[in-house]
Amino acid sequence: MMPIINSIGNMFQGLSAGTTLGKIAIAAGSLITAFYSPIALLLAACFAFTATDMFYGIKIAYKNKKKIESHKNWKGTLTKLADEFVIISLARLLELAVLNQDGVFVLTGGATTIIALTELWSIIENLNTLNPHGPWKALGRFLKKKGEDYIGTEIDLSDGNTNSNKLDSKES
């Protein structure tokens, strides 16, 4: 057992060039890798949904002949990606610190699902704008009806706001 530990120590010394800063950098990189590698697919899924939403948003801008300002587009998308990263990271931290669970992804999976569904809704809206007669129209109606049943109010999709004056019969 001792030769293995010595060889690990020698490798660590070689990689860090014997400096304290090098050792700290390797240790920090190891901790970050251990923290994020189990949720890498969840992060990639959220980022893929966000990138797809951005792609269809650009297509709508081209269709409507609106000027695309790349710095604003990237700033908004990068801000959204950073926010998603923080939310999923904090959910992971809660799982490790509070729940003391390493292989259970209830919070990170839930946060990822909520983020992905929000992005999917935006993608469906974008597809509906590009082609109002596409197959996603039925999916949009189904999701609208389920949302209305869940929140108990009628959803007016024309301006993107809910109409709180029209109550569902369940609340009357």
C-alpha atoms as a PDB file:
ATOM      1  CA  MET A   1       0.000   0.000   0.000  1.00  0.00           C
ATOM      2  CA  MET A   2       2.814   2.393   0.796  1.00  0.00           C
ATOM      3  CA  PRO A   3       4.378   2.324  -2.713  1.00  0.00           C
ATOM      4  CA  ILE A   4       1.045   3.430  -4.202  1.00  0.00           C
ATOM      5  CA  ILE A   5       0.791   6.382  -1.812  1.00  0.00           C
ATOM      6  CA  ASN A   6       4.376   7.341  -2.560  1.00  0.00           C
ATOM      7  CA  SER A   7       3.757   7.219  -6.310  1.00  0.00           C
ATOM      8  CA  ILE A   8       0.642   9.392  -5.908  1.00  0.00           C
ATOM      9  CA  GLY A   9       2.679  11.853  -3.853  1.00  0.00           C
ATOM     10  CA  ASN A  10       5.425  11.892  -6.483  1.00  0.00           C
ATOM     11  CA  MET A  11       2.879  12.484  -9.267  1.00  0.00           C
ATOM     12  CA  PHE A  12       1.278  15.303  -7.268  1.00  0.00           C
ATOM     13  CA  GLN A  13       4.704  16.890  -6.728  1.00  0.00           C
ATOM     14  CA  GLY A  14       5.513  16.597 -10.430  1.00  0.00           C
ATOM     15  CA  LEU A  15       2.221  18.093 -11.602  1.00  0.00           C
ATOM     16  CA  SER A  16       2.419  21.010  -9.199  1.00  0.00           C
ATOM     17  CA  ALA A  17       6.111  21.630  -9.926  1.00  0.00           C
ATOM     18  CA  GLY A  18       6.650  21.467  -6.170  1.00  0.00           C
ATOM     19  CA  THR A  19       4.968  24.842  -5.576  1.00  0.00           C
ATOM     20  CA  THR A  20       2.275  25.494  -3.019  1.00  0.00           C
ATOM     21  CA  LEU A  21       0.184  27.403  -5.536  1.00  0.00           C
ATOM     22  CA  GLY A  22       0.357  24.440  -7.919  1.00  0.00           C
ATOM     23  CA  LYS A  23      -0.786  22.070  -5.180  1.00  0.00           C
ATOM     24  CA  ILE A  24      -3.686  24.364  -4.272  1.00  0.00           C
ATOM     25  CA  ALA A  25      -4.704  24.615  -7.941  1.00  0.00           C
ATOM     26  CA  ILE A  26      -4.683  20.830  -8.358  1.00  0.00           C
ATOM     27  CA  ALA A  27      -6.656  20.312  -5.143  1.00  0.00           C
ATOM     28  CA  ALA A  28      -9.220  22.977  -6.142  1.00  0.00           C
ATOM     29  CA  GLY A  29      -9.573  21.468  -9.610  1.00  0.00           C
ATOM     30  CA  SER A  30     -10.118  18.038  -8.080  1.00  0.00           C
ATOM     31  CA  LEU A  31     -12.814  19.324  -5.740  1.00  0.00           C
ATOM     32  CA  ILE A  32     -14.591  21.189  -8.539  1.00  0.00           C
ATOM     33  CA  THR A  33     -14.456  18.120 -10.774  1.00  0.00           C
ATOM     34  CA  ALA A  34     -15.801  15.882  -7.996  1.00  0.00           C
ATOM     35  CA  PHE A  35     -18.624  18.354  -7.318  1.00  0.00           C
ATOM     36  CA  TYR A  36     -19.746  18.912 -10.929  1.00  0.00           C
ATOM     37  CA  SER A  37     -19.021  15.639 -12.722  1.00  0.00           C
ATOM     38  CA  PRO A  38     -22.142  13.850 -11.377  1.00  0.00           C
ATOM     39  CA  ILE A  39     -24.388  16.668 -12.632  1.00  0.00           C
ATOM     40  CA  ALA A  40     -22.558  17.391 -15.886  1.00  0.00           C
ATOM     41  CA  LEU A  41     -25.354  15.884 -18.006  1.00  0.00           C
ATOM     42  CA  LEU A  42     -27.977  17.933 -16.184  1.00  0.00           C
ATOM     43  CA  LEU A  43     -26.001  21.117 -16.830  1.00  0.00           C
ATOM     44  CA  ALA A  44     -25.482  20.145 -20.472  1.00  0.00           C
ATOM     45  CA  ALA A  45     -29.227  19.509 -20.890  1.00  0.00           C
ATOM     46  CA  CYS A  46     -30.137  22.951 -19.514  1.00  0.00           C
ATOM     47  CA  PHE A  47     -27.516  24.639 -21.644  1.00  0.00           C
ATOM     48  CA  ALA A  48     -28.744  22.770 -24.752  1.00  0.00           C
ATOM     49  CA  PHE A  49     -32.324  23.924 -24.153  1.00  0.00           C
ATOM     50  CA  THR A  50     -31.139  27.511 -23.659  1.00  0.00           C
ATOM     51  CA  ALA A  51     -29.012  27.433 -26.817  1.00  0.00           C
ATOM     52  CA  THR A  52     -31.930  25.994 -28.822  1.00  0.00           C
ATOM     53  CA  ASP A  53     -34.214  28.737 -27.505  1.00  0.00           C
ATOM     54  CA  MET A  54     -31.646  31.352 -28.524  1.00  0.00           C
ATOM     55  CA  PHE A  55     -31.379  29.791 -32.004  1.00  0.00           C
ATOM     56  CA  TYR A  56     -35.141  29.978 -32.581  1.00  0.00           C
ATOM     57  CA  GLY A  57     -35.248  33.497 -31.144  1.00  0.00           C
ATOM     58  CA  ILE A  58     -32.697  34.542 -33.762  1.00  0.00           C
ATOM     59  CA  LYS A  59     -34.770  32.869 -36.486  1.00  0.00           C
ATOM     60  CA  ILE A  60     -37.815  34.872 -35.394  1.00  0.00           C
ATOM     61  CA  ALA A  61     -35.784  38.084 -35.445  1.00  0.00           C
ATOM     62  CA  TYR A  62     -34.666  37.313 -39.009  1.00  0.00           C
ATOM     63  CA  LYS A  63     -38.234  36.489 -40.009  1.00  0.00           C
ATOM     64  CA  ASN A  64     -39.505  39.786 -38.580  1.00  0.00           C
ATOM     65  CA  LYS A  65     -36.537  41.629 -40.105  1.00  0.00           C
ATOM     66  CA  LYS A  66     -35.422  42.930 -36.717  1.00  0.00           C
ATOM     67  CA  LYS A  67     -31.848  43.972 -36.231  1.00  0.00           C
ATOM     68  CA  ILE A  68     -29.950  41.458 -34.140  1.00  0.00           C
ATOM     69  CA  GLU A  69     -27.447  43.000 -31.803  1.00  0.00           C
ATOM     70  CA  SER A  70     -25.059  40.187 -30.983  1.00  0.00           C
ATOM     71  CA  HIS A  71     -23.712  41.739 -27.788  1.00  0.00           C
ATOM     72  CA  LYS A  72     -27.241  41.996 -26.345  1.00  0.00           C
ATOM     73  CA  ASN A  73     -28.134  38.495 -27.514  1.00  0.00           C
ATOM     74  CA  TRP A  74     -25.013  36.954 -26.016  1.00  0.00           C
ATOM     75  CA  LYS A  75     -25.262  39.017 -22.842  1.00  0.00           C
ATOM     76  CA  GLY A  76     -28.833  37.833 -22.261  1.00  0.00           C
ATOM     77  CA  THR A  77     -28.029  34.224 -23.078  1.00  0.00           C
ATOM     78  CA  LEU A  78     -24.865  34.168 -20.994  1.00  0.00           C
ATOM     79  CA  THR A  79     -26.735  35.721 -18.072  1.00  0.00           C
ATOM     80  CA  LYS A  80     -29.417  33.053 -18.394  1.00  0.00           C
ATOM     81  CA  LEU A  81     -26.788  30.290 -18.557  1.00  0.00           C
ATOM     82  CA  ALA A  82     -25.003  31.703 -15.505  1.00  0.00           C
ATOM     83  CA  ASP A  83     -28.269  31.836 -13.561  1.00  0.00           C
ATOM     84  CA  GLU A  84     -29.067  28.229 -14.503  1.00  0.00           C
ATOM     85  CA  PHE A  85     -25.566  27.182 -13.458  1.00  0.00           C
ATOM     86  CA  VAL A  86     -25.958  28.888 -10.069  1.00  0.00           C
ATOM     87  CA  ILE A  87     -29.401  27.386  -9.412  1.00  0.00           C
ATOM     88  CA  ILE A  88     -28.290  23.846 -10.248  1.00  0.00           C
ATOM     89  CA  SER A  89     -25.050  24.289  -8.279  1.00  0.00           C
ATOM     90  CA  LEU A  90     -26.916  25.475  -5.208  1.00  0.00           C
ATOM     91  CA  ALA A  91     -29.348  22.554  -5.507  1.00  0.00           C
ATOM     92  CA  ARG A  92     -26.344  20.211  -5.677  1.00  0.00           C
ATOM     93  CA  LEU A  93     -24.819  21.869  -2.616  1.00  0.00           C
ATOM     94  CA  LEU A  94     -28.086  21.401  -0.713  1.00  0.00           C
ATOM     95  CA  GLU A  95     -28.147  17.731  -1.666  1.00  0.00           C
ATOM     96  CA  LEU A  96     -24.626  17.227  -0.380  1.00  0.00           C
ATOM     97  CA  ALA A  97     -24.764  19.436   2.719  1.00  0.00           C
ATOM     98  CA  VAL A  98     -28.313  19.078   3.987  1.00  0.00           C
ATOM     99  CA  LEU A  99     -29.553  15.775   2.612  1.00  0.00           C
ATOM    100  CA  ASN A 100     -26.092  14.192   2.790  1.00  0.00           C
ATOM    101  CA  GLN A 101     -26.850  12.338  -0.438  1.00  0.00           C
ATOM    102  CA  ASP A 102     -24.264  11.960  -3.167  1.00  0.00           C
ATOM    103  CA  GLY A 103     -26.009   9.775  -5.747  1.00  0.00           C
ATOM    104  CA  VAL A 104     -29.539  11.131  -5.357  1.00  0.00           C
ATOM    105  CA  PHE A 105     -30.372  14.041  -7.641  1.00  0.00           C
ATOM    106  CA  VAL A 106     -33.810  15.047  -6.406  1.00  0.00           C
ATOM    107  CA  LEU A 107     -33.100  18.768  -6.084  1.00  0.00           C
ATOM    108  CA  THR A 108     -30.729  19.086  -9.033  1.00  0.00           C
ATOM    109  CA  GLY A 109     -33.000  16.952 -11.192  1.00  0.00           C
ATOM    110  CA  GLY A 110     -36.034  18.989 -10.142  1.00  0.00           C
ATOM    111  CA  ALA A 111     -34.282  22.302 -10.801  1.00  0.00           C
ATOM    112  CA  THR A 112     -33.090  21.033 -14.179  1.00  0.00           C
ATOM    113  CA  THR A 113     -36.588  19.857 -15.082  1.00  0.00           C
ATOM    114  CA  ILE A 114     -38.155  23.209 -14.202  1.00  0.00           C
ATOM    115  CA  ILE A 115     -35.512  25.112 -16.164  1.00  0.00           C
ATOM    116  CA  ALA A 116     -35.768  22.773 -19.158  1.00  0.00           C
ATOM    117  CA  LEU A 117     -39.580  22.935 -19.206  1.00  0.00           C
ATOM    118  CA  THR A 118     -39.477  26.723 -19.085  1.00  0.00           C
ATOM    119  CA  GLU A 119     -37.069  26.767 -22.018  1.00  0.00           C
ATOM    120  CA  LEU A 120     -39.170  24.162 -23.841  1.00  0.00           C
ATOM    121  CA  TRP A 121     -42.242  26.392 -23.438  1.00  0.00           C
ATOM    122  CA  SER A 122     -40.288  29.278 -24.956  1.00  0.00           C
ATOM    123  CA  ILE A 123     -39.123  27.041 -27.828  1.00  0.00           C
ATOM    124  CA  ILE A 124     -42.728  25.995 -28.520  1.00  0.00           C
ATOM    125  CA  GLU A 125     -43.785  29.652 -28.549  1.00  0.00           C
ATOM    126  CA  ASN A 126     -40.963  30.416 -30.983  1.00  0.00           C
ATOM    127  CA  LEU A 127     -41.943  27.512 -33.243  1.00  0.00           C
ATOM    128  CA  ASN A 128     -45.553  28.672 -33.131  1.00  0.00           C
ATOM    129  CA  THR A 129     -44.428  32.154 -34.206  1.00  0.00           C
ATOM    130  CA  LEU A 130     -42.391  30.722 -37.086  1.00  0.00           C
ATOM    131  CA  ASN A 131     -45.120  28.358 -38.258  1.00  0.00           C
ATOM    132  CA  PRO A 132     -48.523  28.882 -36.584  1.00  0.00           C
ATOM    133  CA  HIS A 133     -49.989  25.804 -38.266  1.00  0.00           C
ATOM    134  CA  GLY A 134     -47.299  23.364 -37.093  1.00  0.00           C
ATOM    135  CA  PRO A 135     -47.853  20.287 -34.917  1.00  0.00           C
ATOM    136  CA  TRP A 136     -46.720  22.172 -31.786  1.00  0.00           C
ATOM    137  CA  LYS A 137     -49.972  24.162 -31.827  1.00  0.00           C
ATOM    138  CA  ALA A 138     -51.790  21.203 -30.259  1.00  0.00           C
ATOM    139  CA  LEU A 139     -49.051  20.804 -27.671  1.00  0.00           C
ATOM    140  CA  GLY A 140     -49.271  24.509 -26.835  1.00  0.00           C
ATOM    141  CA  ARG A 141     -53.047  24.262 -26.355  1.00  0.00           C
ATOM    142  CA  PHE A 142     -52.650  21.183 -24.154  1.00  0.00           C
ATOM    143  CA  LEU A 143     -50.026  22.891 -21.976  1.00  0.00           C
ATOM    144  CA  LYS A 144     -52.169  26.049 -21.776  1.00  0.00           C
ATOM    145  CA  LYS A 145     -55.186  24.025 -20.600  1.00  0.00           C
ATOM    146  CA  LYS A 146     -53.125  22.134 -18.027  1.00  0.00           C
ATOM    147  CA  GLY A 147     -51.637  25.412 -16.793  1.00  0.00           C
ATOM    148  CA  GLU A 148     -55.090  26.962 -16.476  1.00  0.00           C
ATOM    149  CA  ASP A 149     -56.351  23.943 -14.547  1.00  0.00           C
ATOM    150  CA  TYR A 150     -53.335  24.076 -12.249  1.00  0.00           C
ATOM    151  CA  ILE A 151     -53.349  27.797 -11.424  1.00  0.00           C
ATOM    152  CA  GLY A 152     -57.109  28.256 -11.582  1.00  0.00           C
ATOM    153  CA  THR A 153     -57.120  31.256 -13.943  1.00  0.00           C
ATOM    154  CA  GLU A 154     -57.478  31.722 -17.655  1.00  0.00           C
ATOM    155  CA  ILE A 155     -54.201  32.245 -19.481  1.00  0.00           C
ATOM    156  CA  ASP A 156     -54.324  34.846 -22.245  1.00  0.00           C
ATOM    157  CA  LEU A 157     -51.498  34.021 -24.658  1.00  0.00           C
ATOM    158  CA  SER A 158     -51.985  37.105 -26.795  1.00  0.00           C
ATOM    159  CA  ASP A 159     -49.901  39.300 -24.477  1.00  0.00           C
ATOM    160  CA  GLY A 160     -48.244  36.608 -22.370  1.00  0.00           C
ATOM    161  CA  ASN A 161     -49.997  37.591 -19.134  1.00  0.00           C
ATOM    162  CA  THR A 162     -52.543  35.761 -17.046  1.00  0.00           C
ATOM    163  CA  ASN A 163     -55.962  37.286 -16.679  1.00  0.00           C
ATOM    164  CA  SER A 164     -56.700  37.140 -12.968  1.00  0.00           C
ATOM    165  CA  ASN A 165     -60.226  38.577 -13.332  1.00  0.00           C
ATOM    166  CA  LYS A 166     -61.570  35.415 -14.947  1.00  0.00           C
ATOM    167  CA  LEU A 167     -61.751  32.775 -12.254  1.00  0.00           C
ATOM    168  CA  ASP A 168     -62.066  29.093 -12.938  1.00  0.00           C
ATOM    169  CA  SER A 169     -65.313  27.458 -11.883  1.00  0.00           C
ATOM    170  CA  LYS A 170     -63.393  25.555  -9.165  1.00  0.00           C
ATOM    171  CA  GLU A 171     -62.760  28.796  -7.266  1.00  0.00           C
ATOM    172  CA  SER A 172     -66.223  30.354  -7.786  1.00  0.00           C
END
